[in-house]
Structures are given as structure tokens and as C-alpha cells.
Amino acid sequence: MWRGNKNNAGSASLPQTRSGGSPAPLRWSKVVLTGAIVLAVGVPVVLGLKVLARKRMVGKVVSAVRTAGGENLVSQIRIQLNRPAWMPVELARSIAASLAPPPRMSFDRARLAQEVYDRARSHPLIRQVEPVRRLPGDNPQTDVVVVQAQFRRPVGRVAGPGGYVYVDSEGVRLPVDMIPAWVRPGTGGGKSEYYLSAGGHRPTPDCRAIHYILINGAQAPMPAVGQAWEGQDLRDGIRLVELVSSHLWANQVVSIDVSNHQRRADPNAPEIILTAQRGQSKPTLIRFGRFPRDDEPFMIPTDRKLAYLDAYAQRHDGGIAGFNDWLDLRYDKLHVSLE
């Protein structure tokens, strides 16, 4: 077992061949669940040997391979990886496959857990790795490596040179090809299903695009993938994104501008401004101001500012956009422009 600081995919059983080289009949593998798992996803890893057959089912993968190795070596490994509810199945499979060591004829059992742990710790979508366990497989030449991880969920987009990138709650830049783009809401108490971009095409007719608020005006340069974005301006922007996301009107907020953070551009303008828009309606600027410090009891608390918007939305059929040119949350009552 290997531990380190750096949510479950199932596994696929790879049967041995019979003597003489002919493959044994394929059989379905058991899906093993570890921890609090939403769905198991099978990810087989074949160690550089010829694959004789492969058959896929939802949640399971079965492969037949030639096996090789010795007493302390294995020629097949299975990676079990937990999958949080927001993560698309295909993304979990891709991550699990990437955690396997590079293909070769056999693996040293003594180092297998450490190798997988090291790869998990360096993955840009993994925040922390729990203890990595190696378990015996269905045959002497197969080992199972169980990885329990905490993942970096994208919370918003940040504008940068040439476009925008996605970040998690800590401001860490995430790989753009690993961002959930679509969600199919669950019905009748069922769980929602998430999907990757799929080239921009809607995976199913009942899917909707996931809304990511855009943060504009971050001053620090864009970091490399897997690295945290510097600057309190972006941290305050992300904090506001997370606070807004729990409100019914959150999808109307299209952007958060932090370019005047600490009034660096205009001492008379609000430090943070939200832009809200519904469809093709006119946008509404929401003057948020800034987060009060603990030693500023005279400042309007953040929860009160958001309560202003809740009350405004109730009076406008759930909308906070398109009725006024601007809303100002910085005073002891909501100030609005003339409609």
C-alpha cells in the first residue's frame, strides 16, 4: 500500500489462455465497488501483449490476452478508480487508463502500487490520492490496483490570451479536453449523466450545455495546466462563482469582471461587477463591490447582497437580467436603474 497527498471505476477481468496458446472462453468479470461509488467503470490495461479478443458492455470490459511473467511478476493489471457524480464515464475510463504504467512484458509486483500512485499524484485532474492498494486478480498473472482520489472539478472559465481556460475551486488550470460539457438531468429521482464535449455535438436530445461563468480581468499571467493561477482577484472571482452557483438565477450570470480589483483601474468604480443576461435580452450589470473583511462590520455582508438578488428575482418571474440596466448591491437596500 502506498500513501500520499496529491471520487469508482469498476474493473475488467482478463482470462488466461489454455495451454497450447488457444484462448480460454471469455467470461464476464465482476464489477468491484470501493467507497462511496456512483457507477463502476471498467478499465483493462494490457501489458504490451497481443490482444486476442475484446468485448465491451456498459460498465464492463472483457479482454482475452496472452499472459507471461514469473513468481513476482504480473502480465496484466486492472485499475479501479472511483468516479464522482459529475464526471463523465468516458473521462473516468481515460484517467484510469492513464494511471497504468507504460506497456511492457511484465510488471514487478513490489513496485506496481508505487508506480500507479506516482502517476495519479501527477495527474492534472487529481487533487489528492488516498492510499493505493494492490489486490490479487482472478488469476495468478493479474493484479488489481485500487486508486481512491479526490478530483478537481471545473467551476468556471477564466479569460486569457487567445481565449479562456477552465479552473477548479483553487484556481488550478485544468486540461480543456477533460471538461464536462453536457448534462442529461435525471428523471424520477434518477441521477444526472455527464458527457464530454463530443466535438460540440449534443450527445442526446435531452442534454443541456453545462453553464460555466466566465471570469474577466485576472491580472496574473495564465499558468500551465495543473498549476494554480496567482492573484487575489481571481480567488475572489472564483469565490463569487461558487456562492452564486447555489441560487436559482445562477445560469443568468454570464461573467464576473475583476479588472478593478482593489480599485486598481478606477477608484470610483465597483471592484467586482457581474453581468447577467437571459437569451437575447439586454444585459444587466450587477455592481457587487467587494467582499468585506472581518474588521469591517459597516460593510454590507455578502449573503445580504445575494439576498437582494433572490428578492429581485422573485419579483421578476425568476429573472435578474433584462429589466434594468444595472443593479447595485453595495448599499443598505438594493439600488436599481430606471427600467
Protein backbone atom coordinates (compact mmCIF):
# COMPACT_ATOMS: atom_id res chain seq x y z
CA MET A 1 0.00 0.00 0.00
CA TRP A 2 1.26 3.42 -0.93
CA ARG A 3 0.04 6.65 0.64
CA GLY A 4 0.35 10.24 -0.47
CA ASN A 5 -1.24 13.63 -0.75
CA LYS A 6 -1.65 14.72 -4.07
CA ASN A 7 -14.20 10.02 -6.44
CA ASN A 8 -15.18 4.44 -8.63
CA ALA A 9 -14.45 2.79 -11.80
CA GLY A 10 -15.01 -0.92 -11.95
CA SER A 11 -12.66 -3.43 -13.38
CA ALA A 12 -12.40 -5.94 -16.17
CA SER A 13 -11.19 -9.48 -15.79
CA LEU A 14 -8.63 -10.73 -18.33
CA PRO A 15 -8.79 -14.54 -18.51
CA GLN A 16 -5.70 -16.67 -19.03
CA THR A 17 -5.10 -18.74 -22.12
CA ARG A 18 -5.20 -22.50 -22.16
CA SER A 19 -2.04 -24.45 -22.62
CA GLY A 20 -1.05 -24.59 -26.25
CA GLY A 21 -1.81 -20.94 -26.83
CA SER A 22 -5.54 -21.07 -27.63
CA PRO A 23 -7.54 -18.50 -25.74
CA ALA A 24 -9.82 -19.57 -22.95
CA PRO A 25 -13.51 -18.71 -23.36
CA LEU A 26 -14.36 -15.16 -22.47
CA ARG A 27 -16.24 -14.66 -19.22
CA TRP A 28 -17.79 -11.59 -17.67
CA SER A 29 -15.87 -10.02 -14.86
CA LYS A 30 -17.27 -8.83 -11.57
CA VAL A 31 -17.54 -5.11 -11.01
CA VAL A 32 -15.91 -4.25 -7.70
CA LEU A 33 -17.09 -1.18 -5.79
CA THR A 34 -14.88 0.69 -3.38
CA GLY A 35 -16.00 3.51 -1.10
CA ALA A 36 -18.96 5.72 -2.00
CA ILE A 37 -19.31 4.94 -5.72
CA VAL A 38 -21.85 6.28 -8.14
CA LEU A 39 -21.02 3.91 -11.02
CA ALA A 40 -18.24 1.46 -11.71
CA VAL A 41 -16.31 1.81 -14.94
CA GLY A 42 -14.05 -0.95 -16.22
CA VAL A 43 -10.59 -0.07 -17.48
CA PRO A 44 -8.41 -3.02 -18.53
CA VAL A 45 -4.71 -2.46 -19.10
CA VAL A 46 -2.84 -4.94 -21.31
CA LEU A 47 0.90 -5.08 -20.88
CA GLY A 48 2.29 -4.83 -24.41
CA LEU A 49 0.95 -8.26 -25.49
CA LYS A 50 -1.30 -9.05 -28.42
CA VAL A 51 -5.00 -8.68 -27.65
CA LEU A 52 -6.88 -11.71 -28.98
CA ALA A 53 -10.42 -10.50 -28.33
CA ARG A 54 -12.29 -7.61 -26.75
CA LYS A 55 -15.94 -7.19 -25.97
CA ARG A 56 -17.49 -4.15 -24.31
CA MET A 57 -20.63 -3.66 -22.28
CA VAL A 58 -21.84 -0.67 -20.30
CA GLY A 59 -19.80 -0.63 -17.10
CA LYS A 60 -17.78 -3.72 -18.07
CA VAL A 61 -14.91 -4.56 -20.39
CA VAL A 62 -13.68 -8.06 -21.12
CA SER A 63 -10.44 -8.86 -22.89
CA ALA A 64 -8.58 -12.04 -23.69
CA VAL A 65 -4.80 -11.82 -23.80
CA ARG A 66 -1.69 -13.95 -23.78
CA THR A 67 -0.09 -13.99 -20.35
CA ALA A 68 3.53 -14.03 -19.26
CA GLY A 69 5.51 -13.44 -16.11
CA GLY A 70 7.10 -15.12 -13.15
CA GLU A 71 6.55 -15.55 -9.44
CA ASN A 72 6.94 -11.87 -8.61
CA LEU A 73 5.78 -10.54 -11.98
CA VAL A 74 2.33 -9.89 -13.46
CA SER A 75 1.47 -9.54 -17.13
CA GLN A 76 -1.91 -7.89 -16.64
CA ILE A 77 -3.18 -5.19 -14.32
CA ARG A 78 -6.59 -3.71 -13.67
CA ILE A 79 -7.02 -0.16 -12.43
CA GLN A 80 -10.03 0.55 -10.21
CA LEU A 81 -10.75 4.26 -9.90
CA ASN A 82 -13.60 5.98 -8.05
CA ARG A 83 -15.82 8.26 -10.15
CA PRO A 84 -17.63 11.30 -8.68
CA ALA A 85 -21.18 12.01 -9.85
CA TRP A 86 -20.15 14.97 -12.05
CA MET A 87 -17.52 13.05 -14.00
CA PRO A 88 -18.43 11.54 -17.41
CA VAL A 89 -17.89 7.78 -17.67
CA GLU A 90 -15.55 8.15 -20.63
CA LEU A 91 -13.41 10.62 -18.70
CA ALA A 92 -13.11 8.23 -15.74
CA ARG A 93 -12.00 5.47 -18.13
CA SER A 94 -9.42 7.73 -19.71
CA ILE A 95 -7.99 8.77 -16.35
CA ALA A 96 -7.83 5.18 -15.09
CA ALA A 97 -6.05 4.04 -18.24
CA SER A 98 -3.53 6.87 -17.88
CA LEU A 99 -2.61 5.70 -14.38
CA ALA A 100 -1.27 2.38 -15.63
CA PRO A 101 2.49 2.19 -16.15
CA PRO A 102 3.73 2.15 -19.77
CA PRO A 103 3.17 -1.16 -21.61
CA ARG A 104 5.84 -3.81 -21.18
CA MET A 105 6.05 -7.59 -20.94
CA SER A 106 5.58 -7.77 -17.17
CA PHE A 107 5.38 -5.69 -14.00
CA ASP A 108 7.19 -6.07 -10.72
CA ARG A 109 4.56 -6.65 -8.03
CA ALA A 110 6.73 -4.94 -5.43
CA ARG A 111 6.69 -1.63 -7.32
CA LEU A 112 3.28 -1.72 -9.00
CA ALA A 113 1.32 0.24 -6.35
CA GLN A 114 4.06 2.86 -6.14
CA GLU A 115 4.14 3.34 -9.91
CA VAL A 116 0.37 3.83 -10.10
CA TYR A 117 0.42 6.17 -7.12
CA ASP A 118 3.16 8.32 -8.66
CA ARG A 119 1.21 8.64 -11.90
CA ALA A 120 -2.01 9.53 -10.04
CA ARG A 121 -0.25 12.17 -7.97
CA SER A 122 0.94 13.97 -11.11
CA HIS A 123 -2.41 13.85 -12.97
CA PRO A 124 -3.76 17.41 -13.51
CA LEU A 125 -7.35 16.43 -12.61
CA ILE A 126 -6.44 14.71 -9.32
CA ARG A 127 -6.17 16.90 -6.23
CA GLN A 128 -5.24 14.21 -3.71
CA VAL A 129 -4.55 10.48 -3.79
CA GLU A 130 -5.66 8.26 -0.94
CA PRO A 131 -3.76 5.06 -0.09
CA VAL A 132 -3.19 2.94 -3.22
CA ARG A 133 -3.83 -0.77 -2.72
CA ARG A 134 -2.72 -3.79 -4.75
CA LEU A 135 -5.07 -6.79 -4.67
CA PRO A 136 -4.84 -10.25 -6.27
CA GLY A 137 -6.74 -10.65 -9.53
CA ASP A 138 -8.78 -13.55 -10.88
CA ASN A 139 -5.65 -15.44 -11.88
CA PRO A 140 -2.01 -15.54 -10.74
CA GLN A 141 -0.82 -13.27 -13.55
CA THR A 142 -3.29 -10.45 -12.88
CA ASP A 143 -3.18 -7.82 -10.13
CA VAL A 144 -5.78 -5.19 -9.27
CA VAL A 145 -4.67 -1.72 -8.23
CA VAL A 146 -7.30 0.29 -6.34
CA VAL A 147 -6.99 4.08 -6.51
CA GLN A 148 -9.16 6.36 -4.39
CA ALA A 149 -8.75 10.01 -5.36
CA GLN A 150 -10.17 13.46 -4.86
CA PHE A 151 -10.67 15.22 -8.19
CA ARG A 152 -10.51 18.81 -9.36
CA ARG A 153 -13.98 19.76 -10.57
CA PRO A 154 -14.16 22.69 -13.00
CA VAL A 155 -16.10 25.61 -11.52
CA GLY A 156 -15.59 28.37 -14.08
CA ARG A 157 -13.72 29.79 -17.03
CA VAL A 158 -11.03 32.44 -16.97
CA ALA A 159 -10.34 34.75 -19.89
CA GLY A 160 -6.77 34.75 -21.11
CA PRO A 161 -4.72 35.50 -24.22
CA GLY A 162 -6.36 33.86 -27.22
CA GLY A 163 -9.43 32.56 -25.38
CA TYR A 164 -10.29 31.11 -22.00
CA VAL A 165 -9.33 28.18 -19.80
CA TYR A 166 -11.09 26.26 -17.04
CA VAL A 167 -10.16 26.29 -13.36
CA ASP A 168 -11.20 24.46 -10.22
CA SER A 169 -12.10 25.96 -6.83
CA GLU A 170 -8.41 26.52 -6.06
CA GLY A 171 -7.70 28.31 -9.33
CA VAL A 172 -5.78 25.38 -10.82
CA ARG A 173 -5.85 25.35 -14.61
CA LEU A 174 -7.43 22.16 -15.97
CA PRO A 175 -6.98 20.35 -19.32
CA VAL A 176 -9.60 21.67 -21.73
CA ASP A 177 -10.27 18.19 -23.15
CA MET A 178 -11.24 16.89 -19.69
CA ILE A 179 -14.07 19.35 -19.00
CA PRO A 180 -17.67 18.05 -18.77
CA ALA A 181 -19.68 19.95 -21.40
CA TRP A 182 -23.16 18.37 -21.30
CA VAL A 183 -25.53 17.04 -18.65
CA ARG A 184 -28.68 14.95 -19.03
CA PRO A 185 -30.81 15.68 -15.96
CA GLY A 186 -32.07 12.67 -14.06
CA THR A 187 -35.80 11.96 -14.09
CA GLY A 188 -37.95 10.30 -11.49
CA GLY A 189 -35.27 10.54 -8.84
CA GLY A 190 -32.53 9.22 -11.14
CA LYS A 191 -29.02 10.62 -11.26
CA SER A 192 -27.89 13.09 -13.89
CA GLU A 193 -25.44 11.90 -16.55
CA TYR A 194 -22.50 13.99 -17.69
CA TYR A 195 -20.67 14.00 -21.03
CA LEU A 196 -17.56 15.47 -22.60
CA SER A 197 -17.71 17.90 -25.50
CA ALA A 198 -18.08 15.28 -28.27
CA GLY A 199 -16.94 17.84 -30.82
CA GLY A 200 -19.59 20.29 -29.72
CA HIS A 201 -22.44 17.95 -30.65
CA ARG A 202 -25.28 17.31 -28.18
CA PRO A 203 -24.91 13.65 -27.06
CA THR A 204 -28.67 13.14 -26.59
CA PRO A 205 -31.66 15.37 -27.43
CA ASP A 206 -32.46 15.90 -23.74
CA CYS A 207 -28.95 17.07 -22.80
CA ARG A 208 -28.22 20.68 -21.94
CA ALA A 209 -24.94 22.54 -22.00
CA ILE A 210 -23.23 22.99 -18.63
CA HIS A 211 -23.02 26.67 -17.69
CA TYR A 212 -19.58 27.92 -16.72
CA ILE A 213 -19.33 31.56 -15.60
CA LEU A 214 -16.51 33.50 -17.27
CA ILE A 215 -14.12 35.47 -15.05
CA ASN A 216 -12.63 38.52 -16.77
CA GLY A 217 -9.77 40.77 -15.75
CA ALA A 218 -7.44 38.47 -13.81
CA GLN A 219 -4.11 40.27 -13.69
CA ALA A 220 -1.62 37.43 -13.26
CA PRO A 221 -0.39 35.56 -16.34
CA MET A 222 -2.04 32.29 -17.31
CA PRO A 223 -0.34 29.31 -15.63
CA ALA A 224 0.50 25.96 -17.16
CA VAL A 225 -2.02 23.12 -16.96
CA GLY A 226 -2.05 21.68 -13.46
CA GLN A 227 -0.72 24.87 -11.88
CA ALA A 228 -2.64 27.39 -9.75
CA TRP A 229 -3.44 30.86 -11.06
CA GLU A 230 -1.91 33.53 -8.86
CA GLY A 231 -3.73 36.60 -7.57
CA GLN A 232 -6.41 37.50 -5.04
CA ASP A 233 -8.53 38.95 -7.85
CA LEU A 234 -9.09 35.52 -9.39
CA ARG A 235 -9.59 33.90 -6.00
CA ASP A 236 -12.34 36.42 -5.21
CA GLY A 237 -13.88 35.78 -8.64
CA ILE A 238 -13.93 32.02 -8.03
CA ARG A 239 -15.33 32.54 -4.54
CA LEU A 240 -18.21 34.54 -6.01
CA VAL A 241 -18.82 31.91 -8.71
CA GLU A 242 -19.20 29.25 -6.03
CA LEU A 243 -21.54 31.42 -3.93
CA VAL A 244 -23.70 32.30 -6.95
CA SER A 245 -23.96 28.69 -8.16
CA SER A 246 -26.41 27.66 -5.43
CA HIS A 247 -29.03 30.24 -6.45
CA LEU A 248 -31.86 29.63 -8.94
CA TRP A 249 -30.76 32.56 -11.11
CA ALA A 250 -27.13 31.39 -11.36
CA ASN A 251 -27.38 30.44 -15.06
CA GLN A 252 -28.22 34.05 -15.89
CA VAL A 253 -24.81 35.23 -14.68
CA VAL A 254 -22.58 35.07 -17.75
CA SER A 255 -19.47 36.77 -16.42
CA ILE A 256 -17.71 38.27 -13.41
CA ASP A 257 -15.30 41.16 -14.00
CA VAL A 258 -12.45 41.56 -11.50
CA SER A 259 -10.36 44.00 -13.53
CA ASN A 260 -10.95 46.77 -10.97
CA HIS A 261 -9.98 44.58 -8.01
CA GLN A 262 -8.71 46.77 -5.17
CA ARG A 263 -9.80 49.68 -7.39
CA ARG A 264 -6.61 49.44 -9.39
CA ALA A 265 -8.25 50.82 -12.55
CA ASP A 266 -10.85 53.27 -11.22
CA PRO A 267 -11.10 54.32 -7.56
CA ASN A 268 -14.73 55.37 -8.02
CA ALA A 269 -16.00 52.18 -9.71
CA PRO A 270 -17.10 48.88 -8.11
CA GLU A 271 -14.29 46.38 -7.61
CA ILE A 272 -16.31 43.41 -8.93
CA ILE A 273 -19.15 43.57 -11.45
CA LEU A 274 -21.37 40.70 -12.60
CA THR A 275 -23.06 40.63 -15.99
CA ALA A 276 -26.41 38.84 -16.22
CA GLN A 277 -28.31 38.04 -19.40
CA ARG A 278 -31.24 35.82 -20.43
CA GLY A 279 -31.09 34.67 -24.03
CA GLN A 280 -31.01 37.68 -26.34
CA SER A 281 -32.32 40.13 -23.73
CA LYS A 282 -30.31 43.21 -22.83
CA PRO A 283 -27.57 42.53 -20.28
CA THR A 284 -27.79 43.83 -16.72
CA LEU A 285 -24.68 44.93 -14.84
CA ILE A 286 -24.70 43.96 -11.16
CA ARG A 287 -22.43 46.09 -9.01
CA PHE A 288 -21.23 43.67 -6.36
CA GLY A 289 -18.37 45.69 -4.91
CA ARG A 290 -16.03 43.54 -2.84
CA PHE A 291 -16.01 41.00 -0.06
CA PRO A 292 -15.97 42.68 3.37
CA ARG A 293 -13.14 41.93 5.76
CA ASP A 294 -13.76 40.65 9.28
CA ASP A 295 -12.88 44.05 10.70
CA GLU A 296 -15.44 45.88 8.53
CA PRO A 297 -18.84 45.44 10.23
CA PHE A 298 -20.10 48.55 8.43
CA MET A 299 -19.84 46.78 5.02
CA ILE A 300 -22.89 45.03 3.55
CA PRO A 301 -22.40 41.26 4.14
CA THR A 302 -22.13 39.05 1.08
CA ASP A 303 -25.14 36.90 1.98
CA ARG A 304 -27.26 40.05 2.20
CA LYS A 305 -26.13 41.15 -1.26
CA LEU A 306 -27.16 37.79 -2.70
CA ALA A 307 -30.47 38.00 -0.81
CA TYR A 308 -31.11 41.25 -2.68
CA LEU A 309 -30.88 39.31 -5.93
CA ASP A 310 -33.11 36.50 -4.61
CA ALA A 311 -35.82 39.03 -3.74
CA TYR A 312 -35.41 40.84 -7.06
CA ALA A 313 -35.76 37.55 -8.95
CA GLN A 314 -38.96 36.70 -7.06
CA ARG A 315 -40.46 39.99 -8.20
CA HIS A 316 -39.39 39.41 -11.80
CA ASP A 317 -40.51 35.85 -12.51
CA GLY A 318 -37.12 34.39 -11.58
CA GLY A 319 -35.12 36.86 -13.64
CA ILE A 320 -32.27 39.15 -12.66
CA ALA A 321 -31.45 40.23 -16.22
CA GLY A 322 -33.12 42.33 -18.87
CA PHE A 323 -35.32 44.54 -16.65
CA ASN A 324 -32.80 47.16 -15.52
CA ASP A 325 -29.52 48.37 -16.94
CA TRP A 326 -27.85 47.91 -13.58
CA LEU A 327 -28.40 46.72 -10.01
CA ASP A 328 -26.24 47.96 -7.15
CA LEU A 329 -25.76 45.64 -4.15
CA ARG A 330 -23.37 47.83 -2.14
CA TYR A 331 -25.86 49.74 0.00
CA ASP A 332 -28.33 49.10 2.82
CA LYS A 333 -31.01 48.43 0.22
CA LEU A 334 -30.96 47.42 -3.42
CA HIS A 335 -30.43 50.31 -5.84
CA VAL A 336 -31.63 49.88 -9.43
CA SER A 337 -31.52 51.92 -12.61
CA LEU A 338 -34.72 53.21 -14.18
CA GLU A 339 -36.42 50.44 -16.17
